[in-house]
């Protein structure tokens, strides 16, 4: 009887091991098919800034075309805080790496924050970029009743009084543009960070700051409300603001702006990343999306995962040197 029980126990053990092996194989097959079948359900598109800013506007312009490209519903939501760092920290630390959560990601923010902040909550390398789809140069804007009618007027005044310049968050393209202007013009403007472009614009119109270092997209809207755009931080004049000189034309070598795209958690399978990249490429080719983006001043970019990674690597070293120049980091 005892021998029978031992034989029975051995058989049960073999059976259990076989079932475990089968289960592992099924799990592996399921994991593989999950990537092959992606997406099989709703995709969350999270913007780590306030509603109404450039990233948010872009996501909502893309939403319908992205649903068509993916064949699934896409839900756009906002997770603001820390100039984007709250969302990017969550993306890098705990968001499921299954492709069903993609997040808007910005340069130079995702380069500068980890370099300059001990508490950024993420590292640049923690974000796996899917696509870079647009860029927006900086623009310098003052209220319509401002006494300054040129960037030189503003610079001359800043040599004799304290002037404030608002922008979207610390360690952003707006912040770096303001610091670069300080350096090139030999002045000390006080930079005032807001939670996003959508919050900075009312501060200008309400007289809380003397000027904004914002993006060309917001500058277009503010210009429609009577504000004066004094300069743009691009190599050449912008088609959407043809009458506005560049900083370089005014003798100030200030070139800065933002690049936007989407990223996923670092462990997301390449197959899923490539599927998402293909979808965003299709979105960028959609005639209606292109027309709306161009009309709003967005400059369309097309950088897939590898191109984005190479671009980010180059920009990271440039960002490091910039922060060292201003004494914001030591190494």
Foldseek 3Di string as FASTA:
>chain_A
DVVVVVVVVVVVVVVVVVVVVVVVVVVVVVVVVLLVPPPPEEAEEEEQFDAPFPQNVLCVLLQVLLCVLRVYHYHYYYNYDQLSLVVVLCQLPPDDLSLRYKYKDKPPQQLQPVQQDPPSNDHSLQWQFLWWWWWWWWWKWAALPAPDQAVVSVLVVQVPDAFEEEEAHPRHLQNLLVVLQCVQSVGDYHYDHDRHPVVRVVCRVVVVGGMYGYTPLVVLVSVVVRMHTHETQDPADDPLCNPHHHVVVVVRNGHTIMIMGMTGGPPRDPSSSNSSLVSVVSSSVPVSSVVVCVNSPIGTDTAGRVRVVVVSVVVSVVSSVSCVVVVSHPD
